[in-house]
């Protein structure tokens, strides 16, 4: 929750309080009186930037949590790139049927999730921004926000991928941070197949943050009965695991396509995990070994090597 200070004078019981004369700069207080500071708790306002398969699945969890926790405003704005489906606007369909019939058919969204085609309007006043769209769309998407979000806003990236600059890897979260003028950006990664998450099949996920003070607000936003969230102080480790596991999955797909068995695939997964750790430690300092045993690490690697799109592509 956001804390808004409000000063209120306090005084000993029975003491009189002199009103502030118009010509004085400070109030007249009796001896022993002092000012106390009260805080008004303001709920966080959440905006989701993206509404594809994964974006819609996570919007389902966010919507439920915002409805049941007083720490968040009930209404969740979800930015939807407007498309026509059977002659109707996709946003109209979502807001009427509470279902993203194009990207997550057959799954109902909470009624408090509102589809908004205007990005600036969707993020207006938002204090928590959830980025969940293909990273190649970021450069043309961020400027359309027009700084309409709250000045103290924080963000979290659910985008799996990696960019390169000057022959060195660059985190998607760092790209967002730069585009958003230095905003604090956390990440959420894990063994989270969107359709399975949407069907309430149990899974885990990992939030990586640079400021652990932001951990509880993200954990409470995403944690659900069937979606267990853990927080670690390791953005690079969490985020790179989410990208590098796809490379290992290609090797697992080649293994399947060539007809090799479980022993060979197990070796590929083990060697791949070690290579992932070496890559992370080569390019980033402070990556924690324990991160690789979180959902974002070994769990996501296993899931992708047995059922991910990269594995299937390589097998073919």
Protein backbone atom coordinates (compact mmCIF):
# COMPACT_ATOMS: atom_id res chain seq x y z
CA UNK A 1 0.00 0.00 0.00
CA UNK A 2 1.05 3.58 -0.57
CA UNK A 3 1.51 5.71 2.53
CA UNK A 4 0.44 9.33 2.32
CA UNK A 5 1.58 11.46 5.30
CA UNK A 6 -0.88 13.77 7.00
CA UNK A 7 0.31 15.94 9.90
CA UNK A 8 -1.95 16.26 12.93
CA UNK A 9 -1.16 18.11 16.14
CA UNK A 10 -1.19 16.26 19.44
CA UNK A 11 -1.25 17.77 22.94
CA UNK A 12 -1.46 16.67 26.55
CA UNK A 13 -4.94 15.87 27.82
CA UNK A 14 -6.73 19.01 29.02
CA UNK A 15 -4.27 21.41 27.42
CA UNK A 16 -5.67 24.22 25.30
CA UNK A 17 -4.62 24.69 21.73
CA UNK A 18 -4.30 28.22 20.40
CA UNK A 19 -5.53 28.71 16.86
CA UNK A 20 -3.02 29.80 14.24
CA UNK A 21 -3.07 33.61 13.90
CA UNK A 22 -3.03 34.71 10.29
CA UNK A 23 0.16 36.73 10.79
CA UNK A 24 2.13 33.88 12.38
CA UNK A 25 4.09 31.26 10.47
CA UNK A 26 3.77 28.58 13.18
CA UNK A 27 0.92 27.66 15.53
CA UNK A 28 1.03 28.51 19.23
CA UNK A 29 1.36 25.21 21.09
CA UNK A 30 1.31 24.69 24.85
CA UNK A 31 4.43 23.38 26.53
CA UNK A 32 4.88 19.66 25.87
CA UNK A 33 2.72 19.58 22.77
CA UNK A 34 4.10 18.16 19.54
CA UNK A 35 3.12 17.24 16.01
CA UNK A 36 2.45 13.62 15.16
CA UNK A 37 2.38 12.18 11.65
CA UNK A 38 -0.47 9.92 10.58
CA UNK A 39 -0.48 7.88 7.39
CA UNK A 40 -3.38 7.27 5.08
CA UNK A 41 -3.07 3.89 3.40
CA UNK A 42 -3.84 4.17 -0.31
CA UNK A 43 -4.48 0.97 -2.28
CA UNK A 44 -2.22 0.12 -5.19
CA UNK A 45 -3.68 0.57 -8.67
CA UNK A 46 -2.72 -2.22 -11.07
CA UNK A 47 -2.42 -2.03 -14.85
CA UNK A 48 -1.51 -4.97 -17.08
CA UNK A 49 0.29 -4.15 -20.32
CA UNK A 50 -0.49 -7.07 -22.60
CA UNK A 51 -3.37 -9.49 -23.06
CA UNK A 52 -2.14 -12.50 -24.98
CA UNK A 53 -2.24 -16.11 -23.77
CA UNK A 54 0.06 -15.56 -20.77
CA UNK A 55 -1.20 -12.03 -20.14
CA UNK A 56 -4.80 -13.22 -19.93
CA UNK A 57 -3.89 -16.18 -17.72
CA UNK A 58 -2.06 -14.00 -15.22
CA UNK A 59 -4.82 -11.36 -15.38
CA UNK A 60 -7.14 -14.01 -14.01
CA UNK A 61 -4.99 -14.38 -10.88
CA UNK A 62 -4.36 -10.65 -10.51
CA UNK A 63 -8.08 -9.92 -10.81
CA UNK A 64 -8.98 -12.38 -8.06
CA UNK A 65 -6.28 -11.07 -5.73
CA UNK A 66 -7.18 -7.42 -6.30
CA UNK A 67 -10.80 -8.22 -5.49
CA UNK A 68 -9.99 -9.96 -2.22
CA UNK A 69 -7.11 -7.84 -0.86
CA UNK A 70 -7.68 -4.30 0.38
CA UNK A 71 -4.10 -3.41 -0.54
CA UNK A 72 -5.17 -3.08 -4.18
CA UNK A 73 -7.90 -1.23 -6.03
CA UNK A 74 -10.53 -3.70 -7.16
CA UNK A 75 -10.60 -2.74 -10.84
CA UNK A 76 -7.67 -3.98 -12.92
CA UNK A 77 -7.04 -2.32 -16.26
CA UNK A 78 -5.69 -4.64 -18.94
CA UNK A 79 -4.38 -3.02 -22.10
CA UNK A 80 -5.57 -4.92 -25.17
CA UNK A 81 -4.29 -4.33 -28.68
CA UNK A 82 -7.57 -3.83 -30.48
CA UNK A 83 -8.46 -6.51 -33.01
CA UNK A 84 -11.57 -7.58 -34.82
CA UNK A 85 -13.02 -11.00 -33.97
CA UNK A 86 -16.11 -12.03 -35.93
CA UNK A 87 -16.81 -8.39 -36.70
CA UNK A 88 -16.56 -7.21 -33.09
CA UNK A 89 -13.84 -5.43 -31.15
CA UNK A 90 -11.88 -7.81 -28.97
CA UNK A 91 -12.13 -5.44 -26.01
CA UNK A 92 -15.91 -5.37 -26.35
CA UNK A 93 -16.02 -9.17 -26.35
CA UNK A 94 -13.78 -9.41 -23.27
CA UNK A 95 -15.74 -6.81 -21.32
CA UNK A 96 -19.07 -8.41 -22.27
CA UNK A 97 -18.29 -12.12 -21.98
CA UNK A 98 -15.28 -11.87 -19.62
CA UNK A 99 -13.33 -14.15 -21.89
CA UNK A 100 -10.41 -13.56 -24.25
CA UNK A 101 -11.87 -15.68 -27.01
CA UNK A 102 -8.83 -15.25 -29.26
CA UNK A 103 -5.89 -15.87 -26.93
CA UNK A 104 -7.38 -17.79 -23.98
CA UNK A 105 -10.67 -19.31 -25.14
CA UNK A 106 -12.81 -21.24 -22.71
CA UNK A 107 -11.43 -19.51 -19.60
CA UNK A 108 -13.43 -16.86 -17.76
CA UNK A 109 -11.72 -13.72 -16.48
CA UNK A 110 -12.80 -11.99 -13.27
CA UNK A 111 -15.44 -9.31 -13.84
CA UNK A 112 -13.15 -6.68 -12.29
CA UNK A 113 -10.61 -7.08 -15.12
CA UNK A 114 -11.42 -4.38 -17.67
CA UNK A 115 -10.09 -4.54 -21.22
CA UNK A 116 -8.90 -1.12 -22.39
CA UNK A 117 -7.67 -0.43 -25.96
CA UNK A 118 -6.17 2.97 -25.09
CA UNK A 119 -2.80 2.39 -23.41
CA UNK A 120 -2.53 5.86 -21.90
CA UNK A 121 -5.97 5.47 -20.33
CA UNK A 122 -5.16 1.96 -19.11
CA UNK A 123 -2.10 3.07 -17.11
CA UNK A 124 -3.44 6.42 -15.86
CA UNK A 125 -2.71 6.67 -12.15
CA UNK A 126 -1.36 3.12 -11.96
CA UNK A 127 1.19 2.42 -9.23
CA UNK A 128 1.92 -1.18 -10.30
CA UNK A 129 2.62 -1.94 -13.96
CA UNK A 130 2.70 -5.56 -15.13
CA UNK A 131 4.53 -5.95 -18.45
CA UNK A 132 3.51 -9.12 -20.29
CA UNK A 133 3.85 -8.65 -24.04
CA UNK A 134 6.41 -9.69 -26.67
CA UNK A 135 9.58 -7.69 -26.00
CA UNK A 136 9.87 -6.58 -29.63
CA UNK A 137 6.76 -4.45 -29.08
CA UNK A 138 8.22 -2.52 -26.14
CA UNK A 139 9.91 0.31 -28.11
CA UNK A 140 6.65 1.34 -29.77
CA UNK A 141 4.45 0.62 -26.76
CA UNK A 142 6.14 2.48 -23.89
CA UNK A 143 5.96 5.97 -25.50
CA UNK A 144 2.18 5.60 -25.79
CA UNK A 145 1.88 5.57 -22.01
CA UNK A 146 2.77 9.27 -22.05
CA UNK A 147 3.86 9.16 -18.39
CA UNK A 148 0.22 8.79 -17.33
CA UNK A 149 1.13 6.31 -14.57
CA UNK A 150 1.76 7.45 -10.98
CA UNK A 151 5.09 9.17 -10.24
CA UNK A 152 6.02 6.48 -7.71
CA UNK A 153 5.00 3.56 -9.93
CA UNK A 154 6.88 0.28 -9.92
CA UNK A 155 6.92 -2.36 -12.62
CA UNK A 156 7.38 -6.08 -13.07
CA UNK A 157 8.30 -7.94 -16.24
CA UNK A 158 6.85 -11.32 -17.14
CA UNK A 159 8.63 -11.22 -20.50
CA UNK A 160 10.96 -14.11 -21.27
CA UNK A 161 13.75 -13.18 -23.64
CA UNK A 162 17.08 -11.47 -23.95
CA UNK A 163 18.57 -8.68 -26.01
CA UNK A 164 22.19 -7.91 -26.89
CA UNK A 165 23.99 -4.60 -26.92
CA UNK A 166 27.70 -4.12 -27.72
CA UNK A 167 28.07 -7.91 -27.91
CA UNK A 168 26.83 -8.28 -24.33
CA UNK A 169 23.49 -9.56 -23.03
CA UNK A 170 20.96 -6.98 -21.90
CA UNK A 171 18.07 -7.82 -19.63
CA UNK A 172 14.55 -7.03 -20.81
CA UNK A 173 13.91 -5.54 -17.36
CA UNK A 174 16.81 -3.14 -17.93
CA UNK A 175 15.35 -2.13 -21.29
CA UNK A 176 12.03 -1.40 -19.60
CA UNK A 177 13.76 0.44 -16.75
CA UNK A 178 15.61 2.65 -19.21
CA UNK A 179 12.49 3.33 -21.28
CA UNK A 180 10.51 4.15 -18.12
CA UNK A 181 13.01 6.71 -16.85
CA UNK A 182 14.69 4.56 -14.19
CA UNK A 183 11.56 2.94 -12.72
CA UNK A 184 12.25 0.00 -10.40
CA UNK A 185 11.52 -3.16 -12.38
CA UNK A 186 11.21 -6.62 -10.85
CA UNK A 187 10.67 -9.86 -12.77
CA UNK A 188 8.47 -12.96 -12.47
CA UNK A 189 9.57 -16.22 -14.09
CA UNK A 190 8.87 -19.89 -13.52
CA UNK A 191 7.53 -23.18 -14.81
CA UNK A 192 4.29 -21.52 -15.84
CA UNK A 193 2.63 -22.89 -18.97
CA UNK A 194 -0.17 -20.37 -19.50
CA UNK A 195 -2.97 -22.81 -20.28
CA UNK A 196 -2.16 -24.92 -17.22
CA UNK A 197 -2.07 -21.83 -14.99
CA UNK A 198 -5.45 -20.78 -16.39
CA UNK A 199 -6.86 -24.21 -15.53
CA UNK A 200 -5.70 -23.89 -11.91
CA UNK A 201 -3.15 -26.68 -12.19
CA UNK A 202 -0.72 -26.17 -9.31
CA UNK A 203 2.61 -24.55 -10.09
CA UNK A 204 5.26 -22.27 -8.60
CA UNK A 205 6.82 -19.03 -9.77
CA UNK A 206 9.69 -16.79 -8.72
CA UNK A 207 9.79 -13.02 -8.28
CA UNK A 208 13.23 -11.48 -8.62
CA UNK A 209 13.66 -7.99 -7.21
CA UNK A 210 16.52 -5.61 -6.51
CA UNK A 211 14.69 -4.05 -3.57
CA UNK A 212 13.31 -6.67 -1.19
CA UNK A 213 10.98 -4.01 0.24
CA UNK A 214 9.01 -4.39 -3.01
CA UNK A 215 8.84 -8.16 -2.67
CA UNK A 216 5.70 -8.42 -0.50
CA UNK A 217 3.55 -6.26 -2.79
CA UNK A 218 4.40 -8.42 -5.83
CA UNK A 219 4.09 -11.66 -3.91
CA UNK A 220 0.65 -10.73 -2.61
CA UNK A 221 -0.46 -9.64 -6.08
CA UNK A 222 0.45 -12.96 -7.71
CA UNK A 223 0.32 -15.56 -4.94
CA UNK A 224 -2.75 -17.77 -5.24
CA UNK A 225 -3.99 -21.14 -4.02
CA UNK A 226 -2.61 -22.86 -7.12
CA UNK A 227 0.14 -20.37 -7.94
CA UNK A 228 2.82 -20.33 -5.23
CA UNK A 229 5.20 -17.38 -5.45
CA UNK A 230 8.63 -17.05 -3.83
CA UNK A 231 10.70 -13.84 -3.78
CA UNK A 232 14.48 -13.65 -4.22
CA UNK A 233 16.89 -10.73 -4.31
CA UNK A 234 18.25 -11.63 -7.75
CA UNK A 235 16.85 -10.02 -10.89
CA UNK A 236 19.57 -11.15 -13.36
CA UNK A 237 19.51 -14.76 -12.20
CA UNK A 238 15.74 -15.07 -12.34
CA UNK A 239 15.40 -13.32 -15.68
CA UNK A 240 18.28 -15.04 -17.47
CA UNK A 241 17.01 -18.46 -16.40
CA UNK A 242 13.74 -17.63 -18.13
CA UNK A 243 15.57 -16.94 -21.38
CA UNK A 244 18.43 -19.45 -21.40
CA UNK A 245 16.29 -22.52 -20.68
CA UNK A 246 14.90 -22.18 -24.22
CA UNK A 247 18.37 -22.83 -25.65
CA UNK A 248 18.70 -26.02 -23.63
CA UNK A 249 15.18 -27.05 -24.70
CA UNK A 250 16.30 -26.99 -28.33
CA UNK A 251 18.97 -29.54 -27.44
CA UNK A 252 16.32 -31.64 -25.70
CA UNK A 253 14.20 -31.46 -28.85
CA UNK A 254 17.10 -32.67 -31.01
CA UNK A 255 17.49 -35.53 -28.56
CA UNK A 256 13.84 -36.53 -28.98
CA UNK A 257 13.94 -36.11 -32.75
CA UNK A 258 16.97 -38.38 -33.06
CA UNK A 259 15.30 -41.05 -30.97
CA UNK A 260 17.53 -40.94 -27.92
CA UNK A 261 16.09 -41.87 -24.55
CA UNK A 262 15.74 -40.43 -21.07
CA UNK A 263 19.38 -40.89 -20.09
CA UNK A 264 20.55 -38.64 -22.90
CA UNK A 265 17.92 -36.00 -22.22
CA UNK A 266 18.80 -36.01 -18.52
CA UNK A 267 22.43 -35.37 -19.41
CA UNK A 268 21.44 -32.49 -21.68
CA UNK A 269 19.34 -30.95 -18.90
CA UNK A 270 22.12 -31.30 -16.31
CA UNK A 271 24.83 -29.92 -18.58
CA UNK A 272 22.48 -27.17 -19.75
CA UNK A 273 21.75 -26.06 -16.20
CA UNK A 274 25.48 -25.84 -15.49
CA UNK A 275 25.99 -23.80 -18.68
CA UNK A 276 23.15 -21.47 -17.68
CA UNK A 277 24.82 -20.84 -14.34
CA UNK A 278 28.19 -20.22 -16.00
CA UNK A 279 26.63 -17.75 -18.46
CA UNK A 280 24.90 -15.81 -15.68
CA UNK A 281 28.03 -15.58 -13.54
CA UNK A 282 30.16 -14.55 -16.52
CA UNK A 283 28.07 -11.52 -17.44
CA UNK A 284 26.44 -10.51 -14.13
CA UNK A 285 27.72 -10.25 -10.59
CA UNK A 286 25.65 -11.15 -7.57
CA UNK A 287 23.73 -14.01 -9.19
CA UNK A 288 22.82 -16.45 -6.42
CA UNK A 289 23.39 -20.18 -6.79
CA UNK A 290 20.12 -20.87 -4.98
CA UNK A 291 18.20 -19.10 -7.76
CA UNK A 292 18.85 -22.02 -10.11
CA UNK A 293 16.89 -24.28 -7.76
CA UNK A 294 13.86 -21.99 -7.73
CA UNK A 295 10.91 -22.43 -10.09
CA UNK A 296 12.54 -19.98 -12.51
CA UNK A 297 15.57 -22.28 -12.75
CA UNK A 298 15.48 -26.06 -12.73
CA UNK A 299 11.67 -26.33 -12.70
CA UNK A 300 11.18 -24.12 -15.77
CA UNK A 301 14.06 -25.91 -17.49
CA UNK A 302 12.45 -29.32 -16.95
CA UNK A 303 9.03 -28.12 -18.10
CA UNK A 304 10.44 -26.57 -21.27
CA UNK A 305 12.62 -29.57 -22.11
CA UNK A 306 9.63 -31.90 -21.95
CA UNK A 307 6.83 -29.83 -23.41
CA UNK A 308 7.86 -26.37 -24.55
CA UNK A 309 7.52 -24.92 -28.04
CA UNK A 310 11.29 -24.79 -28.55
CA UNK A 311 11.60 -28.49 -27.81
CA UNK A 312 8.77 -29.34 -30.20
CA UNK A 313 10.29 -27.20 -32.94
CA UNK A 314 13.71 -28.86 -32.58
CA UNK A 315 12.18 -32.34 -32.52
CA UNK A 316 10.47 -31.72 -35.83
